[in-house]
N, C-alpha and C. Protein backbone atom coordinates (compact mmCIF):
# COMPACT_ATOMS: atom_id res chain seq x y z
N MET A 1 -18.48 11.28 38.96
CA MET A 1 -17.09 10.93 39.20
C MET A 1 -16.65 9.79 38.28
N LYS A 2 -17.49 8.80 38.15
CA LYS A 2 -17.18 7.65 37.30
C LYS A 2 -17.04 8.09 35.84
N TYR A 3 -17.90 9.03 35.41
CA TYR A 3 -17.84 9.51 34.03
C TYR A 3 -16.57 10.31 33.78
N GLN A 4 -16.11 11.02 34.77
CA GLN A 4 -14.89 11.81 34.64
C GLN A 4 -13.68 10.90 34.44
N GLN A 5 -13.65 9.81 35.19
CA GLN A 5 -12.55 8.85 35.05
C GLN A 5 -12.57 8.21 33.65
N THR A 6 -13.75 7.89 33.19
CA THR A 6 -13.89 7.30 31.86
C THR A 6 -13.46 8.30 30.79
N LEU A 7 -13.85 9.55 30.96
CA LEU A 7 -13.47 10.60 30.02
C LEU A 7 -11.96 10.80 30.01
N VAL A 8 -11.34 10.80 31.16
CA VAL A 8 -9.89 10.96 31.25
C VAL A 8 -9.18 9.80 30.56
N LYS A 9 -9.64 8.59 30.77
CA LYS A 9 -9.03 7.42 30.12
C LYS A 9 -9.21 7.49 28.60
N LEU A 10 -10.37 7.95 28.15
CA LEU A 10 -10.62 8.08 26.73
C LEU A 10 -9.69 9.13 26.11
N ILE A 11 -9.49 10.22 26.79
CA ILE A 11 -8.58 11.27 26.31
C ILE A 11 -7.14 10.75 26.28
N GLN A 12 -6.74 10.02 27.30
CA GLN A 12 -5.39 9.45 27.33
C GLN A 12 -5.19 8.48 26.18
N PHE A 13 -6.18 7.65 25.93
CA PHE A 13 -6.11 6.69 24.83
C PHE A 13 -6.00 7.43 23.49
N SER A 14 -6.77 8.50 23.32
CA SER A 14 -6.72 9.29 22.09
C SER A 14 -5.35 9.91 21.88
N ILE A 15 -4.75 10.40 22.93
CA ILE A 15 -3.42 11.01 22.84
C ILE A 15 -2.38 9.97 22.41
N VAL A 16 -2.47 8.78 22.96
CA VAL A 16 -1.54 7.70 22.58
C VAL A 16 -1.72 7.36 21.11
N LEU A 17 -2.96 7.26 20.64
CA LEU A 17 -3.21 6.97 19.22
C LEU A 17 -2.64 8.07 18.33
N LEU A 18 -2.83 9.32 18.72
CA LEU A 18 -2.31 10.43 17.93
C LEU A 18 -0.79 10.43 17.87
N MET A 19 -0.16 9.90 18.88
CA MET A 19 1.31 9.82 18.89
C MET A 19 1.80 8.64 18.04
N LEU A 20 1.04 7.56 18.00
CA LEU A 20 1.47 6.36 17.27
C LEU A 20 1.17 6.42 15.77
N TYR A 21 0.10 7.12 15.39
CA TYR A 21 -0.30 7.15 13.98
C TYR A 21 0.82 7.61 13.04
N PRO A 22 1.53 8.71 13.33
CA PRO A 22 2.60 9.12 12.41
C PRO A 22 3.68 8.05 12.21
N LEU A 23 3.98 7.31 13.27
CA LEU A 23 4.96 6.22 13.14
C LEU A 23 4.45 5.13 12.21
N TYR A 24 3.18 4.78 12.37
CA TYR A 24 2.56 3.76 11.52
C TYR A 24 2.53 4.24 10.07
N TYR A 25 2.18 5.49 9.84
CA TYR A 25 2.12 6.06 8.49
C TYR A 25 3.48 5.98 7.82
N VAL A 26 4.51 6.44 8.50
CA VAL A 26 5.86 6.43 7.92
C VAL A 26 6.33 5.01 7.66
N TRP A 27 6.07 4.10 8.59
CA TRP A 27 6.48 2.71 8.44
C TRP A 27 5.81 2.08 7.22
N GLU A 28 4.50 2.26 7.08
CA GLU A 28 3.80 1.60 5.97
C GLU A 28 4.12 2.23 4.62
N THR A 29 4.14 3.54 4.53
CA THR A 29 4.44 4.16 3.24
C THR A 29 5.88 3.90 2.82
N ASP A 30 6.80 3.83 3.76
CA ASP A 30 8.19 3.50 3.44
C ASP A 30 8.31 2.07 2.93
N LYS A 31 7.54 1.18 3.51
CA LYS A 31 7.55 -0.22 3.08
C LYS A 31 7.04 -0.33 1.64
N ILE A 32 5.99 0.41 1.31
CA ILE A 32 5.45 0.39 -0.05
C ILE A 32 6.44 1.01 -1.03
N LYS A 33 7.00 2.14 -0.66
CA LYS A 33 7.97 2.82 -1.54
C LYS A 33 9.19 1.94 -1.80
N SER A 34 9.70 1.30 -0.76
CA SER A 34 10.86 0.44 -0.89
C SER A 34 10.58 -0.74 -1.83
N ALA A 35 9.43 -1.38 -1.66
CA ALA A 35 9.06 -2.51 -2.52
C ALA A 35 8.90 -2.04 -3.96
N CYS A 36 8.29 -0.88 -4.14
CA CYS A 36 8.06 -0.33 -5.48
C CYS A 36 9.39 -0.03 -6.18
N GLU A 37 10.35 0.49 -5.44
CA GLU A 37 11.66 0.81 -6.01
C GLU A 37 12.44 -0.44 -6.42
N GLN A 38 12.13 -1.58 -5.82
CA GLN A 38 12.84 -2.82 -6.15
C GLN A 38 12.28 -3.50 -7.41
N MET A 39 11.12 -3.05 -7.87
CA MET A 39 10.50 -3.64 -9.07
C MET A 39 10.96 -2.89 -10.31
N ASN A 40 11.18 -3.65 -11.37
CA ASN A 40 11.65 -3.07 -12.63
C ASN A 40 10.84 -3.62 -13.79
N PRO A 41 10.68 -2.83 -14.87
CA PRO A 41 10.03 -3.36 -16.07
C PRO A 41 10.77 -4.61 -16.55
N GLY A 42 10.02 -5.59 -16.97
CA GLY A 42 10.59 -6.86 -17.41
C GLY A 42 10.58 -7.92 -16.32
N MET A 43 10.40 -7.52 -15.09
CA MET A 43 10.34 -8.47 -13.97
C MET A 43 9.07 -9.31 -14.11
N SER A 44 9.13 -10.59 -13.75
CA SER A 44 7.98 -11.46 -13.90
C SER A 44 6.92 -11.19 -12.82
N TYR A 45 5.70 -11.55 -13.15
CA TYR A 45 4.58 -11.37 -12.22
C TYR A 45 4.80 -12.17 -10.95
N SER A 46 5.27 -13.40 -11.08
CA SER A 46 5.49 -14.25 -9.90
C SER A 46 6.58 -13.68 -9.00
N ASN A 47 7.65 -13.11 -9.59
CA ASN A 47 8.69 -12.46 -8.78
C ASN A 47 8.15 -11.23 -8.07
N THR A 48 7.24 -10.52 -8.74
CA THR A 48 6.60 -9.35 -8.13
C THR A 48 5.79 -9.77 -6.91
N LEU A 49 4.98 -10.81 -7.06
CA LEU A 49 4.18 -11.30 -5.92
C LEU A 49 5.08 -11.78 -4.79
N SER A 50 6.16 -12.44 -5.14
CA SER A 50 7.11 -12.91 -4.14
C SER A 50 7.71 -11.76 -3.36
N LEU A 51 8.12 -10.72 -4.07
CA LEU A 51 8.70 -9.54 -3.43
C LEU A 51 7.69 -8.88 -2.50
N LEU A 52 6.45 -8.72 -2.97
CA LEU A 52 5.41 -8.11 -2.14
C LEU A 52 5.12 -8.94 -0.90
N ASN A 53 5.02 -10.25 -1.07
CA ASN A 53 4.73 -11.13 0.07
C ASN A 53 5.86 -11.12 1.09
N ASN A 54 7.10 -11.01 0.62
CA ASN A 54 8.24 -10.99 1.54
C ASN A 54 8.23 -9.79 2.48
N VAL A 55 7.64 -8.68 2.03
CA VAL A 55 7.57 -7.49 2.88
C VAL A 55 6.19 -7.30 3.50
N GLY A 56 5.32 -8.30 3.35
CA GLY A 56 4.00 -8.25 3.97
C GLY A 56 2.98 -7.40 3.23
N LEU A 57 3.13 -7.29 1.92
CA LEU A 57 2.20 -6.50 1.11
C LEU A 57 1.50 -7.39 0.10
N ASP A 58 0.43 -6.86 -0.48
CA ASP A 58 -0.30 -7.57 -1.53
C ASP A 58 -1.06 -6.54 -2.35
N PHE A 59 -1.51 -6.94 -3.52
CA PHE A 59 -2.32 -6.04 -4.34
C PHE A 59 -3.64 -5.77 -3.64
N SER A 60 -4.01 -4.50 -3.56
CA SER A 60 -5.31 -4.15 -2.99
C SER A 60 -6.37 -4.10 -4.09
N ARG A 61 -5.94 -3.77 -5.30
CA ARG A 61 -6.82 -3.78 -6.47
C ARG A 61 -6.08 -4.36 -7.66
N MET A 62 -6.80 -5.10 -8.48
CA MET A 62 -6.17 -5.72 -9.64
C MET A 62 -7.18 -5.76 -10.78
N ASN A 63 -6.76 -5.29 -11.96
CA ASN A 63 -7.58 -5.36 -13.17
C ASN A 63 -6.83 -6.19 -14.19
N GLY A 64 -7.55 -7.06 -14.89
CA GLY A 64 -6.93 -7.89 -15.92
C GLY A 64 -6.41 -9.20 -15.34
N ASP A 65 -6.08 -10.11 -16.23
CA ASP A 65 -5.61 -11.44 -15.81
C ASP A 65 -4.29 -11.75 -16.51
N TYR A 66 -3.22 -11.77 -15.72
CA TYR A 66 -1.90 -12.03 -16.30
C TYR A 66 -1.81 -13.44 -16.86
N ALA A 67 -2.50 -14.40 -16.24
CA ALA A 67 -2.42 -15.79 -16.67
C ALA A 67 -3.00 -16.00 -18.06
N GLN A 68 -3.92 -15.13 -18.47
CA GLN A 68 -4.52 -15.22 -19.80
C GLN A 68 -3.74 -14.39 -20.83
N GLY A 69 -2.64 -13.79 -20.39
CA GLY A 69 -1.83 -12.98 -21.29
C GLY A 69 -2.40 -11.59 -21.52
N GLU A 70 -3.31 -11.17 -20.65
CA GLU A 70 -3.95 -9.87 -20.80
C GLU A 70 -3.10 -8.74 -20.22
N LYS A 71 -3.47 -7.54 -20.59
CA LYS A 71 -2.91 -6.35 -19.97
C LYS A 71 -3.52 -6.25 -18.58
N TRP A 72 -2.69 -5.96 -17.57
CA TRP A 72 -3.19 -5.89 -16.20
C TRP A 72 -2.59 -4.69 -15.47
N GLN A 73 -3.26 -4.30 -14.40
CA GLN A 73 -2.79 -3.21 -13.57
C GLN A 73 -3.18 -3.52 -12.13
N GLY A 74 -2.21 -3.36 -11.24
CA GLY A 74 -2.45 -3.61 -9.82
C GLY A 74 -2.00 -2.44 -8.97
N LEU A 75 -2.66 -2.27 -7.85
CA LEU A 75 -2.30 -1.22 -6.90
C LEU A 75 -1.95 -1.86 -5.56
N VAL A 76 -0.87 -1.39 -4.98
CA VAL A 76 -0.50 -1.75 -3.60
C VAL A 76 -0.71 -0.46 -2.82
N GLU A 77 -1.85 -0.37 -2.13
CA GLU A 77 -2.25 0.87 -1.46
C GLU A 77 -1.92 0.86 0.03
N SER A 78 -1.66 2.05 0.54
CA SER A 78 -1.42 2.23 1.96
C SER A 78 -2.75 2.32 2.69
N HIS A 79 -2.86 1.63 3.81
CA HIS A 79 -4.05 1.73 4.64
C HIS A 79 -3.95 2.91 5.60
N ALA A 80 -2.76 3.43 5.76
CA ALA A 80 -2.52 4.50 6.73
C ALA A 80 -2.75 5.89 6.13
N SER A 81 -2.73 6.01 4.83
CA SER A 81 -2.83 7.32 4.19
C SER A 81 -4.28 7.70 3.96
N PHE A 82 -4.66 8.87 4.44
CA PHE A 82 -6.00 9.37 4.21
C PHE A 82 -6.14 9.95 2.81
N ALA A 83 -5.08 10.54 2.29
CA ALA A 83 -5.10 11.19 0.98
C ALA A 83 -4.86 10.20 -0.16
N GLY A 84 -4.30 9.05 0.13
CA GLY A 84 -4.01 8.06 -0.90
C GLY A 84 -2.52 7.99 -1.20
N TYR A 85 -1.96 6.81 -1.13
CA TYR A 85 -0.55 6.56 -1.40
C TYR A 85 -0.46 5.13 -1.89
N ALA A 86 0.08 4.92 -3.09
CA ALA A 86 0.10 3.57 -3.64
C ALA A 86 1.24 3.39 -4.63
N CYS A 87 1.54 2.14 -4.87
CA CYS A 87 2.46 1.75 -5.93
C CYS A 87 1.60 1.13 -7.03
N GLU A 88 1.66 1.73 -8.21
CA GLU A 88 0.88 1.24 -9.34
C GLU A 88 1.79 0.40 -10.23
N ILE A 89 1.38 -0.82 -10.48
CA ILE A 89 2.18 -1.75 -11.27
C ILE A 89 1.35 -2.19 -12.47
N SER A 90 1.86 -1.99 -13.66
CA SER A 90 1.16 -2.38 -14.89
C SER A 90 2.00 -3.38 -15.65
N GLY A 91 1.32 -4.26 -16.35
CA GLY A 91 2.06 -5.23 -17.13
C GLY A 91 1.22 -5.86 -18.21
N PHE A 92 1.85 -6.74 -18.94
CA PHE A 92 1.20 -7.48 -20.01
C PHE A 92 1.66 -8.92 -19.90
N GLY A 93 0.71 -9.82 -19.76
CA GLY A 93 1.07 -11.22 -19.58
C GLY A 93 1.81 -11.42 -18.28
N ASN A 94 2.96 -12.04 -18.33
CA ASN A 94 3.71 -12.37 -17.12
C ASN A 94 4.81 -11.36 -16.80
N GLN A 95 4.81 -10.20 -17.47
CA GLN A 95 5.89 -9.24 -17.24
C GLN A 95 5.36 -7.86 -16.86
N ILE A 96 6.15 -7.19 -16.02
CA ILE A 96 5.84 -5.82 -15.63
C ILE A 96 6.26 -4.89 -16.77
N ALA A 97 5.40 -3.92 -17.08
CA ALA A 97 5.74 -2.92 -18.10
C ALA A 97 6.07 -1.57 -17.46
N ARG A 98 5.39 -1.25 -16.34
CA ARG A 98 5.60 0.05 -15.71
C ARG A 98 5.33 -0.04 -14.21
N VAL A 99 6.14 0.68 -13.46
CA VAL A 99 5.97 0.78 -12.00
C VAL A 99 6.10 2.25 -11.64
N ARG A 100 5.16 2.76 -10.86
CA ARG A 100 5.26 4.15 -10.42
C ARG A 100 4.51 4.36 -9.11
N MET A 101 4.98 5.35 -8.37
CA MET A 101 4.31 5.75 -7.14
C MET A 101 3.22 6.74 -7.51
N VAL A 102 2.04 6.57 -6.91
CA VAL A 102 0.93 7.49 -7.15
C VAL A 102 0.40 7.99 -5.81
N LYS A 103 -0.04 9.23 -5.82
CA LYS A 103 -0.53 9.85 -4.58
C LYS A 103 -1.82 10.58 -4.84
N GLY A 104 -2.70 10.59 -3.86
CA GLY A 104 -3.92 11.37 -3.92
C GLY A 104 -4.79 11.08 -5.11
N LYS A 105 -5.11 12.13 -5.86
CA LYS A 105 -6.05 12.01 -6.98
C LYS A 105 -5.47 11.28 -8.18
N GLN A 106 -4.19 10.98 -8.17
CA GLN A 106 -3.58 10.20 -9.27
C GLN A 106 -4.05 8.76 -9.23
N ILE A 107 -4.55 8.30 -8.09
CA ILE A 107 -5.00 6.92 -7.97
C ILE A 107 -6.34 6.77 -8.69
N ALA A 108 -6.37 5.91 -9.69
CA ALA A 108 -7.59 5.69 -10.47
C ALA A 108 -8.64 4.98 -9.62
N PRO A 109 -9.91 5.37 -9.80
CA PRO A 109 -10.98 4.71 -9.01
C PRO A 109 -11.19 3.27 -9.39
């Protein structure tokens, strides 16, 4: 009897999670898409970080060092997407050169 009650509660909890996940997915991917659309080539690196921080986002991966004037690339990835959903931001030095949305296998390892 005790195990049945535990099983019922576990199933109820699973159903609630399955109902909430789509809302979380849409909320997070929309937040990333919106931030990505607000970025433009020529925008400074510090303004980019400011914009991301204002909406509660940050780079999940970063290659290169903007402070040294190097070519750099950053990804703002969704934690909710199983297939992969990210905003890819590339730049040189303190300026953005390219911004694009990437999905699935387009995301570089």
